[in-house]
């Protein structure tokens, strides 16, 4: 029996490539299209589905307010396929964006001569990208949101170093591909991630040896709707000792 092992796209080179690194779904659009291309030399079986943030959730049990078509298809080498995301009109929060994840699973074909019952490991590669559902009438503009985040340094639990805390007062997700803090002439990395609307997120400052001085600077790269990085900086507002 063939065993299929699914790997995240970051751990292997995927032949199926998604155009774009994120999807913005405006509430007033009937559907949104996502383009896939098979850059490999062999055909592949592709399965697509959405989830609410749990990467281990089974596609058969996930309940999301979208339909995807097609959900499973063969994609030949050097060919493309468009999948459509269609909003079911199920009510979503009207005062902020909601985050979903698009999963694209690539299952390569068996090698020529392999029998269906052969005991062989078959690697499947899964890629996940964000789908941000954007209600109409949200205040402000999404590209202005990163500059409105306030930053503070707080102690880590059990006294194990420090955390950089970002608070997002806007109705948009703030996506950050790089975050660091600059103090005393040195720069300390704090990783990457996103800050949900009206929420806070902490970033680890495990290399920071002491509480930063007043006026420490946060350096970050924010990703816009098109996935392009925009470098910016901000001053740390508060430091908790």
Protein backbone atom coordinates (compact mmCIF):
# COMPACT_ATOMS: atom_id res chain seq x y z
CA UNK A 1 0.00 0.00 0.00
CA UNK A 2 1.35 3.43 -0.89
CA UNK A 3 1.74 5.83 2.04
CA UNK A 4 1.19 9.53 1.29
CA UNK A 5 3.10 11.92 3.55
CA UNK A 6 2.11 15.58 3.41
CA UNK A 7 4.85 18.18 3.81
CA UNK A 8 4.49 21.92 4.19
CA UNK A 9 5.78 23.88 1.21
CA UNK A 10 8.58 25.40 3.28
CA UNK A 11 10.16 21.95 3.76
CA UNK A 12 10.30 20.92 0.11
CA UNK A 13 10.23 22.43 -3.36
CA UNK A 14 6.69 22.47 -4.72
CA UNK A 15 5.99 22.17 -8.43
CA UNK A 16 2.54 23.73 -8.04
CA UNK A 17 3.00 27.48 -7.58
CA UNK A 18 0.29 29.88 -6.41
CA UNK A 19 0.30 33.30 -8.04
CA UNK A 20 0.58 35.73 -5.13
CA UNK A 21 1.33 35.22 -1.45
CA UNK A 22 -2.08 36.22 -0.09
CA UNK A 23 -5.68 36.65 -1.20
CA UNK A 24 -7.86 39.64 -0.37
CA UNK A 25 -11.57 38.85 -0.63
CA UNK A 26 -13.69 42.04 -0.72
CA UNK A 27 -17.15 41.35 0.68
CA UNK A 28 -18.91 42.90 -2.30
CA UNK A 29 -17.26 40.62 -4.86
CA UNK A 30 -19.17 37.58 -6.08
CA UNK A 31 -15.98 35.54 -6.40
CA UNK A 32 -12.19 35.78 -6.35
CA UNK A 33 -9.88 33.83 -8.65
CA UNK A 34 -6.52 32.30 -7.71
CA UNK A 35 -4.12 31.10 -10.40
CA UNK A 36 -1.96 27.98 -10.06
CA UNK A 37 0.87 26.85 -12.34
CA UNK A 38 2.64 23.51 -12.54
CA UNK A 39 6.31 24.41 -12.95
CA UNK A 40 7.38 20.78 -12.70
CA UNK A 41 8.05 18.23 -15.41
CA UNK A 42 5.27 15.81 -14.46
CA UNK A 43 1.51 16.06 -13.98
CA UNK A 44 0.18 16.32 -10.43
CA UNK A 45 -3.09 15.76 -8.64
CA UNK A 46 -4.10 18.93 -6.81
CA UNK A 47 -6.57 19.38 -3.95
CA UNK A 48 -7.62 22.81 -2.67
CA UNK A 49 -9.56 23.80 0.45
CA UNK A 50 -9.93 26.57 3.03
CA UNK A 51 -9.54 26.37 6.79
CA UNK A 52 -10.05 28.73 9.73
CA UNK A 53 -6.48 28.53 11.03
CA UNK A 54 -6.03 24.93 12.15
CA UNK A 55 -3.52 23.36 9.72
CA UNK A 56 -4.38 19.88 10.99
CA UNK A 57 -8.12 20.13 10.38
CA UNK A 58 -9.51 17.63 7.88
CA UNK A 59 -10.95 19.21 4.70
CA UNK A 60 -14.04 17.01 5.09
CA UNK A 61 -14.92 18.48 8.49
CA UNK A 62 -14.09 22.17 7.97
CA UNK A 63 -16.99 24.63 7.91
CA UNK A 64 -16.14 27.86 6.08
CA UNK A 65 -18.40 30.42 4.34
CA UNK A 66 -16.80 29.79 0.95
CA UNK A 67 -17.05 27.32 -1.88
CA UNK A 68 -13.98 26.41 -3.93
CA UNK A 69 -14.23 25.17 -7.49
CA UNK A 70 -12.65 22.95 -8.59
CA UNK A 71 -11.57 21.31 -5.35
CA UNK A 72 -9.57 18.47 -6.96
CA UNK A 73 -8.06 18.26 -10.41
CA UNK A 74 -5.10 17.08 -12.49
CA UNK A 75 -2.63 19.75 -13.54
CA UNK A 76 -0.24 18.84 -16.33
CA UNK A 77 3.35 20.06 -16.49
CA UNK A 78 3.77 23.68 -17.65
CA UNK A 79 0.02 24.24 -17.52
CA UNK A 80 -2.12 26.52 -15.39
CA UNK A 81 -5.42 26.28 -13.57
CA UNK A 82 -7.67 28.92 -12.04
CA UNK A 83 -9.59 28.08 -8.88
CA UNK A 84 -12.51 30.23 -7.77
CA UNK A 85 -13.41 31.20 -4.22
CA UNK A 86 -17.12 32.00 -3.89
CA UNK A 87 -18.51 33.65 -0.74
CA UNK A 88 -21.68 31.98 0.55
CA UNK A 89 -22.99 35.26 2.07
CA UNK A 90 -22.93 33.73 5.55
CA UNK A 91 -22.66 36.72 7.92
CA UNK A 92 -19.11 37.61 8.97
CA UNK A 93 -17.89 40.27 11.43
CA UNK A 94 -18.67 43.60 9.78
CA UNK A 95 -16.19 45.73 11.74
CA UNK A 96 -12.93 43.92 10.93
CA UNK A 97 -11.21 41.53 8.57
CA UNK A 98 -11.50 37.78 9.11
CA UNK A 99 -8.61 35.44 8.35
CA UNK A 100 -8.88 32.12 6.52
CA UNK A 101 -6.19 29.95 4.93
CA UNK A 102 -6.08 28.54 1.41
CA UNK A 103 -4.49 25.09 1.24
CA UNK A 104 -3.11 23.65 -2.00
CA UNK A 105 -2.01 20.02 -1.77
CA UNK A 106 0.16 18.61 -4.55
CA UNK A 107 0.24 14.83 -4.96
CA UNK A 108 2.81 13.69 -7.54
CA UNK A 109 2.09 10.70 -9.80
CA UNK A 110 3.52 7.25 -9.15
CA UNK A 111 6.70 6.46 -11.00
CA UNK A 112 6.31 4.44 -14.18
CA UNK A 113 6.15 0.73 -13.44
CA UNK A 114 5.01 1.13 -9.83
CA UNK A 115 2.12 -1.10 -8.85
CA UNK A 116 -0.83 0.42 -6.94
CA UNK A 117 -0.16 -1.99 -4.07
CA UNK A 118 3.57 -1.31 -3.89
CA UNK A 119 4.91 -0.46 -0.43
CA UNK A 120 6.32 2.95 -1.22
CA UNK A 121 6.39 6.38 0.40
CA UNK A 122 4.78 9.08 -1.73
CA UNK A 123 5.46 12.70 -0.76
CA UNK A 124 2.69 15.28 -1.06
CA UNK A 125 3.50 18.96 -0.64
CA UNK A 126 1.04 21.42 0.86
CA UNK A 127 1.21 25.19 0.51
CA UNK A 128 -0.91 27.50 2.71
CA UNK A 129 -1.52 31.20 2.11
CA UNK A 130 -3.71 33.73 3.89
CA UNK A 131 -7.17 34.69 2.68
CA UNK A 132 -8.37 37.91 4.30
CA UNK A 133 -12.09 38.55 4.05
CA UNK A 134 -12.57 42.32 3.95
CA UNK A 135 -16.01 43.77 4.77
CA UNK A 136 -17.15 46.91 2.98
CA UNK A 137 -17.00 50.22 4.80
CA UNK A 138 -14.06 49.55 7.12
CA UNK A 139 -12.51 52.69 8.55
CA UNK A 140 -9.13 53.81 7.26
CA UNK A 141 -6.95 52.22 4.61
CA UNK A 142 -5.13 48.88 4.99
CA UNK A 143 -1.77 50.30 3.90
CA UNK A 144 -1.95 52.82 6.77
CA UNK A 145 -2.44 50.16 9.46
CA UNK A 146 1.21 49.20 10.18
CA UNK A 147 2.07 52.77 11.16
CA UNK A 148 -0.79 52.79 13.70
CA UNK A 149 0.54 49.79 15.64
CA UNK A 150 1.82 50.72 19.10
CA UNK A 151 4.85 48.89 20.50
CA UNK A 152 5.96 48.05 24.02
CA UNK A 153 8.58 45.84 25.64
CA UNK A 154 7.26 43.50 28.33
CA UNK A 155 8.90 40.81 30.49
CA UNK A 156 8.61 37.26 29.20
CA UNK A 157 6.86 34.69 31.42
CA UNK A 158 8.92 33.34 34.32
CA UNK A 159 11.46 36.11 33.83
CA UNK A 160 12.91 34.51 30.70
CA UNK A 161 13.98 37.61 28.80
CA UNK A 162 11.71 40.09 27.06
CA UNK A 163 8.94 40.26 24.51
CA UNK A 164 8.10 42.94 21.98
CA UNK A 165 4.35 43.52 22.04
CA UNK A 166 2.55 45.08 19.10
CA UNK A 167 -1.04 46.32 19.47
CA UNK A 168 -3.14 46.86 16.36
CA UNK A 169 -6.05 49.31 16.83
CA UNK A 170 -7.21 49.06 13.20
CA UNK A 171 -9.79 46.75 11.54
CA UNK A 172 -7.13 45.30 9.21
CA UNK A 173 -4.58 42.52 9.66
CA UNK A 174 -1.02 43.80 9.92
CA UNK A 175 1.32 41.27 8.30
CA UNK A 176 5.01 41.53 9.17
CA UNK A 177 7.77 39.57 7.45
CA UNK A 178 10.48 41.01 9.71
CA UNK A 179 10.49 42.62 13.15
CA UNK A 180 13.47 43.76 15.22
CA UNK A 181 14.34 46.28 17.90
CA UNK A 182 17.27 48.68 17.81
CA UNK A 183 18.76 49.94 21.07
CA UNK A 184 22.22 51.01 22.25
CA UNK A 185 23.46 50.88 18.67
CA UNK A 186 22.58 47.19 18.23
CA UNK A 187 19.71 45.43 16.46
CA UNK A 188 17.95 42.40 17.94
CA UNK A 189 15.67 40.25 15.74
CA UNK A 190 12.15 39.47 16.95
CA UNK A 191 10.90 37.17 14.18
CA UNK A 192 7.82 37.67 12.01
CA UNK A 193 4.07 37.18 12.15
CA UNK A 194 0.80 39.05 11.99
CA UNK A 195 -1.27 41.16 14.36
CA UNK A 196 -5.02 40.63 14.16
CA UNK A 197 -7.45 43.57 14.07
CA UNK A 198 -8.05 45.08 17.50
CA UNK A 199 -5.62 42.62 19.06
CA UNK A 200 -2.03 42.31 20.27
CA UNK A 201 0.79 39.96 19.35
CA UNK A 202 4.11 39.34 21.08
CA UNK A 203 7.44 38.71 19.37
CA UNK A 204 10.35 37.05 21.14
CA UNK A 205 13.43 39.11 22.00
CA UNK A 206 15.46 36.16 23.28
CA UNK A 207 18.77 37.82 22.35
CA UNK A 208 18.03 41.13 24.09
CA UNK A 209 20.32 41.17 27.17
CA UNK A 210 18.57 43.93 29.16
CA UNK A 211 15.62 46.29 29.20
CA UNK A 212 16.03 48.73 26.30
CA UNK A 213 16.52 52.42 26.90
CA UNK A 214 13.78 54.96 26.27
CA UNK A 215 13.51 55.80 22.60
CA UNK A 216 14.36 52.31 21.35
CA UNK A 217 13.31 51.80 17.74
CA UNK A 218 11.24 49.01 16.23
CA UNK A 219 12.27 48.15 12.68
CA UNK A 220 9.80 46.15 10.60
CA UNK A 221 8.81 45.13 7.10
CA UNK A 222 5.06 45.22 6.54
CA UNK A 223 3.47 43.27 3.69
CA UNK A 224 0.81 45.06 1.68
CA UNK A 225 -2.17 43.57 -0.18
CA UNK A 226 0.11 42.50 -3.03
CA UNK A 227 2.70 40.82 -0.80
CA UNK A 228 5.29 43.56 -1.34
CA UNK A 229 7.40 44.48 1.67
CA UNK A 230 7.44 48.05 2.96
CA UNK A 231 10.22 48.92 5.43
CA UNK A 232 9.35 51.26 8.27
CA UNK A 233 10.18 52.05 11.88
CA UNK A 234 8.45 53.15 15.08
CA UNK A 235 9.44 54.23 18.57
CA UNK A 236 8.76 51.91 21.51
CA UNK A 237 5.98 53.58 23.49
CA UNK A 238 6.37 51.85 26.84
CA UNK A 239 8.82 49.57 28.61
CA UNK A 240 7.67 47.35 31.48
CA UNK A 241 10.47 46.45 33.87
